[in-house]
Structure formats: structure tokens, C-alpha cells
Amino acid sequence: MLEDFFQQQAPLPDDLHFLASAYVFETARREFGGRYLRGDDDNPFVLVIGPDSAQVGVCAMAKVRGRAVNGPEDSLAFFYAGIAPVVQRGVSATLV
């Protein structure tokens, strides 16, 4: 779906942006756990995974919009694959 918006250079409607982001978030939350927090203008919601000493913030909303605007260079598969190694290292990080 995001590829179609990229190819047509069409703006991503807010409702589809939210739904695609929710899919990424919920897939990650089911695999790694976590909770949602408020973010900023680019990422209104952030999934925070892990304990206080090693929190990983997943900022999927800007990445989803980037995929629709920039195409494959903002790969969601690549972004998602980067979550597990950071969680496993037990370090705090923000994935954007």
C-alpha cells in the first residue's frame, strides 16, 4: 500500500498513516512487549520496549510516512529487523 502512494507521489492520508503505523507497533509489541508513550510531532506515539535501564524507543510513525514519501530507501522490513538486535544488547536506544 505504501509503495502505491510512493509511486503515485500522492499524500498519505492520516487514517492510513495511523493504521500502517499501528500495524508496525502492534507487531513489535507482540514480539517484544512494551508500552506506548506520547512522542513529538513526527512520532506522536512511541513504543517503549524494555526495563528502565535499557529502554528501546521505536518511532515507527515517521518511518511509515517516509516509506510513502521516499519509497524503498525507508524500508520498514529493514527498520523492523533492527529492533531485535538492540533489545538483545540490553542498551537504551531510540530507533527512528
C-alpha atoms as a PDB file:
ATOM      1  CA  MET A   1       0.000   0.000   0.000  1.00  0.00           C
ATOM      2  CA  LEU A   2       2.758   2.457   0.921  1.00  0.00           C
ATOM      3  CA  GLU A   3       4.526   1.638  -2.343  1.00  0.00           C
ATOM      4  CA  ASP A   4       1.430   2.776  -4.264  1.00  0.00           C
ATOM      5  CA  PHE A   5       1.485   6.154  -2.526  1.00  0.00           C
ATOM      6  CA  PHE A   6       5.193   6.459  -3.293  1.00  0.00           C
ATOM      7  CA  GLN A   7       4.780   5.580  -6.972  1.00  0.00           C
ATOM      8  CA  GLN A   8       1.880   7.972  -7.410  1.00  0.00           C
ATOM      9  CA  GLN A   9       3.612  10.660  -5.316  1.00  0.00           C
ATOM     10  CA  ALA A  10       0.284  11.014  -3.501  1.00  0.00           C
ATOM     11  CA  PRO A  11      -0.009  12.246   0.088  1.00  0.00           C
ATOM     12  CA  LEU A  12      -0.590   9.529   2.658  1.00  0.00           C
ATOM     13  CA  PRO A  13      -3.975  10.130   4.341  1.00  0.00           C
ATOM     14  CA  ASP A  14      -3.813  10.456   8.124  1.00  0.00           C
ATOM     15  CA  ASP A  15      -6.051   7.447   8.741  1.00  0.00           C
ATOM     16  CA  LEU A  16      -3.899   5.136   6.598  1.00  0.00           C
ATOM     17  CA  HIS A  17      -0.747   6.558   8.183  1.00  0.00           C
ATOM     18  CA  PHE A  18      -2.128   5.743  11.619  1.00  0.00           C
ATOM     19  CA  LEU A  19      -3.275   2.224  10.599  1.00  0.00           C
ATOM     20  CA  ALA A  20       0.037   1.299   8.954  1.00  0.00           C
ATOM     21  CA  SER A  21       1.938   2.630  11.972  1.00  0.00           C
ATOM     22  CA  ALA A  22      -0.331   0.700  14.342  1.00  0.00           C
ATOM     23  CA  TYR A  23       0.428  -2.487  12.414  1.00  0.00           C
ATOM     24  CA  VAL A  24       4.179  -1.981  12.863  1.00  0.00           C
ATOM     25  CA  PHE A  25       3.742  -1.053  16.531  1.00  0.00           C
ATOM     26  CA  GLU A  26       1.493  -3.984  17.405  1.00  0.00           C
ATOM     27  CA  THR A  27       3.688  -6.482  15.562  1.00  0.00           C
ATOM     28  CA  ALA A  28       6.670  -5.249  17.599  1.00  0.00           C
ATOM     29  CA  ARG A  29       4.704  -5.114  20.857  1.00  0.00           C
ATOM     30  CA  ARG A  30       3.556  -8.705  20.442  1.00  0.00           C
ATOM     31  CA  GLU A  31       7.111  -9.861  19.815  1.00  0.00           C
ATOM     32  CA  PHE A  32       8.992  -7.728  22.364  1.00  0.00           C
ATOM     33  CA  GLY A  33       6.400  -6.346  24.776  1.00  0.00           C
ATOM     34  CA  GLY A  34       6.415  -2.708  25.699  1.00  0.00           C
ATOM     35  CA  ARG A  35       4.106   0.198  26.283  1.00  0.00           C
ATOM     36  CA  TYR A  36       3.036   3.252  24.332  1.00  0.00           C
ATOM     37  CA  LEU A  37       4.040   6.781  25.252  1.00  0.00           C
ATOM     38  CA  ARG A  38       3.383  10.156  23.694  1.00  0.00           C
ATOM     39  CA  GLY A  39       6.105  11.370  21.388  1.00  0.00           C
ATOM     40  CA  ASP A  40       6.637  14.503  19.316  1.00  0.00           C
ATOM     41  CA  ASP A  41       5.188  15.963  16.102  1.00  0.00           C
ATOM     42  CA  ASP A  42       6.980  13.476  13.816  1.00  0.00           C
ATOM     43  CA  ASN A  43       6.217  10.495  16.048  1.00  0.00           C
ATOM     44  CA  PRO A  44       3.085  11.238  18.094  1.00  0.00           C
ATOM     45  CA  PHE A  45       3.275   7.761  19.637  1.00  0.00           C
ATOM     46  CA  VAL A  46       6.355   5.745  20.573  1.00  0.00           C
ATOM     47  CA  LEU A  47       6.562   2.086  21.582  1.00  0.00           C
ATOM     48  CA  VAL A  48       8.970   1.742  24.514  1.00  0.00           C
ATOM     49  CA  ILE A  49      10.394  -1.748  24.993  1.00  0.00           C
ATOM     50  CA  GLY A  50      12.400  -2.997  27.946  1.00  0.00           C
ATOM     51  CA  PRO A  51      13.146  -2.045  31.533  1.00  0.00           C
ATOM     52  CA  ASP A  52      14.083   1.469  32.669  1.00  0.00           C
ATOM     53  CA  SER A  53      17.789   0.630  32.490  1.00  0.00           C
ATOM     54  CA  ALA A  54      17.618  -0.424  28.819  1.00  0.00           C
ATOM     55  CA  GLN A  55      14.655   1.159  27.069  1.00  0.00           C
ATOM     56  CA  VAL A  56      14.317   0.975  23.312  1.00  0.00           C
ATOM     57  CA  GLY A  57      12.037   3.590  21.786  1.00  0.00           C
ATOM     58  CA  VAL A  58      10.516   2.540  18.470  1.00  0.00           C
ATOM     59  CA  CYS A  59       9.443   5.570  16.419  1.00  0.00           C
ATOM     60  CA  ALA A  60       7.557   3.932  13.581  1.00  0.00           C
ATOM     61  CA  MET A  61       5.272   6.765  12.537  1.00  0.00           C
ATOM     62  CA  ALA A  62       7.934   8.880  10.817  1.00  0.00           C
ATOM     63  CA  LYS A  63       9.312   5.736   9.176  1.00  0.00           C
ATOM     64  CA  VAL A  64       5.879   4.797   7.783  1.00  0.00           C
ATOM     65  CA  ARG A  65       5.424   8.292   6.360  1.00  0.00           C
ATOM     66  CA  GLY A  66       8.974   8.161   4.996  1.00  0.00           C
ATOM     67  CA  ARG A  67       8.204   4.897   3.207  1.00  0.00           C
ATOM     68  CA  ALA A  68       5.255   6.521   1.411  1.00  0.00           C
ATOM     69  CA  VAL A  69       7.302   9.612   0.509  1.00  0.00           C
ATOM     70  CA  ASN A  70      10.808   8.209  -0.104  1.00  0.00           C
ATOM     71  CA  GLY A  71       9.997   4.698  -1.268  1.00  0.00           C
ATOM     72  CA  PRO A  72      12.140   1.626  -0.648  1.00  0.00           C
ATOM     73  CA  GLU A  73      15.021   3.593   0.870  1.00  0.00           C
ATOM     74  CA  ASP A  74      12.837   3.842   4.004  1.00  0.00           C
ATOM     75  CA  SER A  75      12.319   0.088   4.223  1.00  0.00           C
ATOM     76  CA  LEU A  76      10.003  -0.976   7.017  1.00  0.00           C
ATOM     77  CA  ALA A  77      11.393  -4.510   6.914  1.00  0.00           C
ATOM     78  CA  PHE A  78      14.921  -3.190   7.493  1.00  0.00           C
ATOM     79  CA  PHE A  79      13.665  -0.896  10.271  1.00  0.00           C
ATOM     80  CA  TYR A  80      11.794  -3.725  11.991  1.00  0.00           C
ATOM     81  CA  ALA A  81      14.750  -6.122  11.693  1.00  0.00           C
ATOM     82  CA  GLY A  82      16.829  -3.580  13.626  1.00  0.00           C
ATOM     83  CA  ILE A  83      14.680  -3.815  16.749  1.00  0.00           C
ATOM     84  CA  ALA A  84      15.713  -7.293  17.956  1.00  0.00           C
ATOM     85  CA  PRO A  85      19.495  -6.698  17.990  1.00  0.00           C
ATOM     86  CA  VAL A  86      19.112  -3.528  20.050  1.00  0.00           C
ATOM     87  CA  VAL A  87      16.724  -5.184  22.515  1.00  0.00           C
ATOM     88  CA  GLN A  88      19.064  -8.181  22.845  1.00  0.00           C
ATOM     89  CA  ARG A  89      22.075  -5.944  23.549  1.00  0.00           C
ATOM     90  CA  GLY A  90      20.224  -4.522  26.559  1.00  0.00           C
ATOM     91  CA  VAL A  91      21.068  -0.909  25.822  1.00  0.00           C
ATOM     92  CA  SER A  92      18.919   2.191  25.679  1.00  0.00           C
ATOM     93  CA  ALA A  93      18.310   3.481  22.171  1.00  0.00           C
ATOM     94  CA  THR A  94      15.779   5.258  20.008  1.00  0.00           C
ATOM     95  CA  LEU A  95      15.027   3.758  16.610  1.00  0.00           C
ATOM     96  CA  VAL A  96      13.856   6.332  14.102  1.00  0.00           C
END
